[in-house]
Amino acid sequence: MSYTDISLSELQKTMDVQGMEVVENQKESVVGSQGSCRPDQRSNPTSSQIAPAVLQCKIEFKNVPDNEKVSAFKGLLKAYQTEINNLTKRSKSAEDAFLNVYKILAEAPDPYPLLKAAVDQTVKVAEEAKEFENELKRLREENDALRTERLNETLSL
């Protein structure tokens, strides 16, 4: 595989999509919910409400009377499990994005040896061209000298 096979523009498009997904997942963990943690008072939170919902549930759980803690614990446990699921989703998404790029770049050869060879070849060709220019200049001068000599011989006869 070479760098031309990587198709950098396509890789950039894929990375843009994956980057947007990562940003969206980050937003989902930041945006908050002010809902209740009691199962009977709580609507199903969206994934974007979970992280703050866990904090809210924790605060509410501390303030629940002891005789209601068992039922309140279910809501707190559900909030934590949802947050764990969302963190797992974010982690998987980030790992997949990294591994996709790594796989492509790991298979690509190091361009340095090829570029070094190209530069060396260019220098060699430039040196040869200079030598050819000097040889051409010398041959033109020799040709002019021979023409002048021949012209002088022709005129003296």
C-alpha atoms as a PDB file:
ATOM      1  CA  MET A   1       0.000   0.000   0.000  1.00  0.00           C
ATOM      2  CA  SER A   2       1.275   3.467  -0.808  1.00  0.00           C
ATOM      3  CA  TYR A   3       0.241   6.939   0.225  1.00  0.00           C
ATOM      4  CA  THR A   4      -1.759   7.283  -2.977  1.00  0.00           C
ATOM      5  CA  ASP A   5      -3.753   4.204  -1.935  1.00  0.00           C
ATOM      6  CA  ILE A   6      -4.662   5.869   1.348  1.00  0.00           C
ATOM      7  CA  SER A   7      -6.730   8.533  -0.416  1.00  0.00           C
ATOM      8  CA  LEU A   8      -6.108  11.310   2.052  1.00  0.00           C
ATOM      9  CA  SER A   9      -9.269  13.204   1.059  1.00  0.00           C
ATOM     10  CA  GLU A  10     -11.433  10.147   1.803  1.00  0.00           C
ATOM     11  CA  LEU A  11      -9.591   9.571   5.075  1.00  0.00           C
ATOM     12  CA  GLN A  12     -10.237  13.194   6.021  1.00  0.00           C
ATOM     13  CA  LYS A  13     -13.964  12.792   5.275  1.00  0.00           C
ATOM     14  CA  THR A  14     -14.101   9.653   7.425  1.00  0.00           C
ATOM     15  CA  MET A  15     -12.216  11.414  10.191  1.00  0.00           C
ATOM     16  CA  ASP A  16     -14.643  14.362   9.974  1.00  0.00           C
ATOM     17  CA  VAL A  17     -17.614  12.025  10.465  1.00  0.00           C
ATOM     18  CA  GLN A  18     -15.907  10.192  13.312  1.00  0.00           C
ATOM     19  CA  GLY A  19     -14.836  13.494  14.864  1.00  0.00           C
ATOM     20  CA  MET A  20     -18.412  14.761  14.796  1.00  0.00           C
ATOM     21  CA  GLU A  21     -19.545  11.510  16.429  1.00  0.00           C
ATOM     22  CA  VAL A  22     -16.951  11.926  19.188  1.00  0.00           C
ATOM     23  CA  VAL A  23     -18.021  15.551  19.767  1.00  0.00           C
ATOM     24  CA  GLU A  24     -21.678  14.508  19.855  1.00  0.00           C
ATOM     25  CA  ASN A  25     -20.907  11.778  22.371  1.00  0.00           C
ATOM     26  CA  GLN A  26     -19.042  14.307  24.514  1.00  0.00           C
ATOM     27  CA  LYS A  27     -22.007  16.659  24.397  1.00  0.00           C
ATOM     28  CA  GLU A  28     -24.299  13.831  25.431  1.00  0.00           C
ATOM     29  CA  SER A  29     -22.309  13.419  28.618  1.00  0.00           C
ATOM     30  CA  VAL A  30     -22.322  17.138  29.434  1.00  0.00           C
ATOM     31  CA  VAL A  31     -25.901  18.242  28.768  1.00  0.00           C
ATOM     32  CA  GLY A  32     -27.954  17.931  31.923  1.00  0.00           C
ATOM     33  CA  SER A  33     -31.349  16.893  33.180  1.00  0.00           C
ATOM     34  CA  GLN A  34     -33.187  18.267  36.159  1.00  0.00           C
ATOM     35  CA  GLY A  35     -35.523  15.262  36.380  1.00  0.00           C
ATOM     36  CA  SER A  36     -36.322  13.242  39.456  1.00  0.00           C
ATOM     37  CA  CYS A  37     -34.575   9.967  40.235  1.00  0.00           C
ATOM     38  CA  ARG A  38     -37.607   8.261  41.616  1.00  0.00           C
ATOM     39  CA  PRO A  39     -38.868   5.748  39.065  1.00  0.00           C
ATOM     40  CA  ASP A  40     -42.462   6.920  39.542  1.00  0.00           C
ATOM     41  CA  GLN A  41     -41.538  10.596  39.019  1.00  0.00           C
ATOM     42  CA  ARG A  42     -38.934  10.257  36.347  1.00  0.00           C
ATOM     43  CA  SER A  43     -39.398  10.204  32.620  1.00  0.00           C
ATOM     44  CA  ASN A  44     -36.926   8.166  30.598  1.00  0.00           C
ATOM     45  CA  PRO A  45     -33.957  10.447  30.148  1.00  0.00           C
ATOM     46  CA  THR A  46     -32.286  10.810  26.823  1.00  0.00           C
ATOM     47  CA  SER A  47     -28.648   9.853  26.563  1.00  0.00           C
ATOM     48  CA  SER A  48     -27.772  13.561  26.624  1.00  0.00           C
ATOM     49  CA  GLN A  49     -29.301  13.885  30.097  1.00  0.00           C
ATOM     50  CA  ILE A  50     -27.531  11.041  31.825  1.00  0.00           C
ATOM     51  CA  ALA A  51     -24.282  12.431  33.284  1.00  0.00           C
ATOM     52  CA  PRO A  52     -25.951  15.312  35.120  1.00  0.00           C
ATOM     53  CA  ALA A  53     -28.870  13.005  35.858  1.00  0.00           C
ATOM     54  CA  VAL A  54     -26.511  10.731  37.795  1.00  0.00           C
ATOM     55  CA  LEU A  55     -25.359  13.685  39.863  1.00  0.00           C
ATOM     56  CA  GLN A  56     -28.935  14.812  40.406  1.00  0.00           C
ATOM     57  CA  CYS A  57     -29.962  11.285  41.411  1.00  0.00           C
ATOM     58  CA  LYS A  58     -27.080  11.055  43.842  1.00  0.00           C
ATOM     59  CA  ILE A  59     -28.092  14.321  45.494  1.00  0.00           C
ATOM     60  CA  GLU A  60     -31.739  13.287  45.612  1.00  0.00           C
ATOM     61  CA  PHE A  61     -30.858   9.847  46.957  1.00  0.00           C
ATOM     62  CA  LYS A  62     -28.974  11.385  49.880  1.00  0.00           C
ATOM     63  CA  ASN A  63     -32.072  13.392  50.783  1.00  0.00           C
ATOM     64  CA  VAL A  64     -34.531  10.468  50.566  1.00  0.00           C
ATOM     65  CA  PRO A  65     -35.857   9.186  53.908  1.00  0.00           C
ATOM     66  CA  ASP A  66     -34.465   5.787  54.911  1.00  0.00           C
ATOM     67  CA  ASN A  67     -37.792   4.016  54.455  1.00  0.00           C
ATOM     68  CA  GLU A  68     -37.883   5.092  50.748  1.00  0.00           C
ATOM     69  CA  LYS A  69     -34.216   4.389  49.933  1.00  0.00           C
ATOM     70  CA  VAL A  70     -34.915   0.947  48.432  1.00  0.00           C
ATOM     71  CA  SER A  71     -37.263   2.322  45.767  1.00  0.00           C
ATOM     72  CA  ALA A  72     -35.021   5.394  45.194  1.00  0.00           C
ATOM     73  CA  PHE A  73     -31.983   3.138  44.801  1.00  0.00           C
ATOM     74  CA  LYS A  74     -33.499   1.631  41.645  1.00  0.00           C
ATOM     75  CA  GLY A  75     -33.522   5.036  39.961  1.00  0.00           C
ATOM     76  CA  LEU A  76     -29.970   5.778  41.063  1.00  0.00           C
ATOM     77  CA  LEU A  77     -28.762   2.391  39.869  1.00  0.00           C
ATOM     78  CA  LYS A  78     -30.493   2.866  36.505  1.00  0.00           C
ATOM     79  CA  ALA A  79     -28.868   6.308  36.087  1.00  0.00           C
ATOM     80  CA  TYR A  80     -25.427   4.872  36.813  1.00  0.00           C
ATOM     81  CA  GLN A  81     -25.954   1.950  34.436  1.00  0.00           C
ATOM     82  CA  THR A  82     -27.096   4.281  31.660  1.00  0.00           C
ATOM     83  CA  GLU A  83     -24.042   6.477  32.217  1.00  0.00           C
ATOM     84  CA  ILE A  84     -21.779   3.414  32.106  1.00  0.00           C
ATOM     85  CA  ASN A  85     -23.432   2.348  28.842  1.00  0.00           C
ATOM     86  CA  ASN A  86     -22.904   5.818  27.340  1.00  0.00           C
ATOM     87  CA  LEU A  87     -19.264   5.915  28.445  1.00  0.00           C
ATOM     88  CA  THR A  88     -18.754   2.483  26.915  1.00  0.00           C
ATOM     89  CA  LYS A  89     -20.312   3.739  23.667  1.00  0.00           C
ATOM     90  CA  ARG A  90     -18.007   6.791  23.654  1.00  0.00           C
ATOM     91  CA  SER A  91     -14.976   4.650  24.359  1.00  0.00           C
ATOM     92  CA  LYS A  92     -15.851   2.184  21.596  1.00  0.00           C
ATOM     93  CA  SER A  93     -16.411   5.015  19.129  1.00  0.00           C
ATOM     94  CA  ALA A  94     -13.050   6.624  19.947  1.00  0.00           C
ATOM     95  CA  GLU A  95     -11.237   3.281  19.798  1.00  0.00           C
ATOM     96  CA  ASP A  96     -12.799   2.437  16.434  1.00  0.00           C
ATOM     97  CA  ALA A  97     -11.833   5.818  14.991  1.00  0.00           C
ATOM     98  CA  PHE A  98      -8.260   5.447  16.199  1.00  0.00           C
ATOM     99  CA  LEU A  99      -7.926   1.872  14.958  1.00  0.00           C
ATOM    100  CA  ASN A 100      -9.317   2.767  11.521  1.00  0.00           C
ATOM    101  CA  VAL A 101      -6.718   5.494  11.043  1.00  0.00           C
ATOM    102  CA  TYR A 102      -3.970   3.386  12.574  1.00  0.00           C
ATOM    103  CA  LYS A 103      -4.732   0.463  10.266  1.00  0.00           C
ATOM    104  CA  ILE A 104      -4.496   2.654   7.180  1.00  0.00           C
ATOM    105  CA  LEU A 105      -1.326   4.459   8.253  1.00  0.00           C
ATOM    106  CA  ALA A 106       0.376   1.331   9.610  1.00  0.00           C
ATOM    107  CA  GLU A 107       0.146  -0.361   6.211  1.00  0.00           C
ATOM    108  CA  ALA A 108       1.562   2.617   4.340  1.00  0.00           C
ATOM    109  CA  PRO A 109       5.291   2.529   3.681  1.00  0.00           C
ATOM    110  CA  ASP A 110       7.579   5.177   5.036  1.00  0.00           C
ATOM    111  CA  PRO A 111       7.915   7.768   2.245  1.00  0.00           C
ATOM    112  CA  TYR A 112      11.357   8.927   3.412  1.00  0.00           C
ATOM    113  CA  PRO A 113      13.466   6.371   1.488  1.00  0.00           C
ATOM    114  CA  LEU A 114      11.572   7.042  -1.727  1.00  0.00           C
ATOM    115  CA  LEU A 115      11.803  10.810  -1.290  1.00  0.00           C
ATOM    116  CA  LYS A 116      15.515  10.563  -0.472  1.00  0.00           C
ATOM    117  CA  ALA A 117      16.100   8.453  -3.593  1.00  0.00           C
ATOM    118  CA  ALA A 118      14.164  10.989  -5.683  1.00  0.00           C
ATOM    119  CA  VAL A 119      16.228  13.866  -4.306  1.00  0.00           C
ATOM    120  CA  ASP A 120      19.479  11.945  -4.876  1.00  0.00           C
ATOM    121  CA  GLN A 121      18.421  11.142  -8.451  1.00  0.00           C
ATOM    122  CA  THR A 122      17.498  14.779  -9.066  1.00  0.00           C
ATOM    123  CA  VAL A 123      20.895  15.931  -7.816  1.00  0.00           C
ATOM    124  CA  LYS A 124      22.627  13.350 -10.014  1.00  0.00           C
ATOM    125  CA  VAL A 125      20.630  14.398 -13.088  1.00  0.00           C
ATOM    126  CA  ALA A 126      21.371  18.069 -12.370  1.00  0.00           C
ATOM    127  CA  GLU A 127      25.101  17.308 -12.136  1.00  0.00           C
ATOM    128  CA  GLU A 128      24.983  15.332 -15.391  1.00  0.00           C
ATOM    129  CA  ALA A 129      23.072  18.149 -17.090  1.00  0.00           C
ATOM    130  CA  LYS A 130      25.759  20.608 -15.981  1.00  0.00           C
ATOM    131  CA  GLU A 131      28.454  18.300 -17.367  1.00  0.00           C
ATOM    132  CA  PHE A 132      26.552  18.022 -20.672  1.00  0.00           C
ATOM    133  CA  GLU A 133      26.189  21.799 -20.840  1.00  0.00           C
ATOM    134  CA  ASN A 134      29.945  22.217 -20.303  1.00  0.00           C
ATOM    135  CA  GLU A 135      30.674  19.541 -22.950  1.00  0.00           C
ATOM    136  CA  LEU A 136      28.247  21.208 -25.385  1.00  0.00           C
ATOM    137  CA  LYS A 137      29.870  24.601 -24.785  1.00  0.00           C
ATOM    138  CA  ARG A 138      33.337  23.085 -25.359  1.00  0.00           C
ATOM    139  CA  LEU A 139      32.185  21.340 -28.556  1.00  0.00           C
ATOM    140  CA  ARG A 140      30.607  24.550 -29.907  1.00  0.00           C
ATOM    141  CA  GLU A 141      33.808  26.454 -29.240  1.00  0.00           C
ATOM    142  CA  GLU A 142      35.796  23.679 -30.947  1.00  0.00           C
ATOM    143  CA  ASN A 143      33.357  23.723 -33.872  1.00  0.00           C
ATOM    144  CA  ASP A 144      33.679  27.496 -34.197  1.00  0.00           C
ATOM    145  CA  ALA A 145      37.475  27.203 -34.080  1.00  0.00           C
ATOM    146  CA  LEU A 146      37.448  24.506 -36.793  1.00  0.00           C
ATOM    147  CA  ARG A 147      35.114  26.564 -39.002  1.00  0.00           C
ATOM    148  CA  THR A 148      37.323  29.594 -38.586  1.00  0.00           C
ATOM    149  CA  GLU A 149      40.415  27.526 -39.402  1.00  0.00           C
ATOM    150  CA  ARG A 150      38.738  25.978 -42.447  1.00  0.00           C
ATOM    151  CA  LEU A 151      37.539  29.380 -43.630  1.00  0.00           C
ATOM    152  CA  ASN A 152      41.077  30.773 -43.278  1.00  0.00           C
ATOM    153  CA  GLU A 153      42.470  27.801 -45.256  1.00  0.00           C
ATOM    154  CA  THR A 154      39.902  28.321 -47.983  1.00  0.00           C
ATOM    155  CA  LEU A 155      40.690  32.032 -48.224  1.00  0.00           C
ATOM    156  CA  SER A 156      44.448  31.485 -48.334  1.00  0.00           C
ATOM    157  CA  LEU A 157      44.241  29.118 -51.291  1.00  0.00           C
END
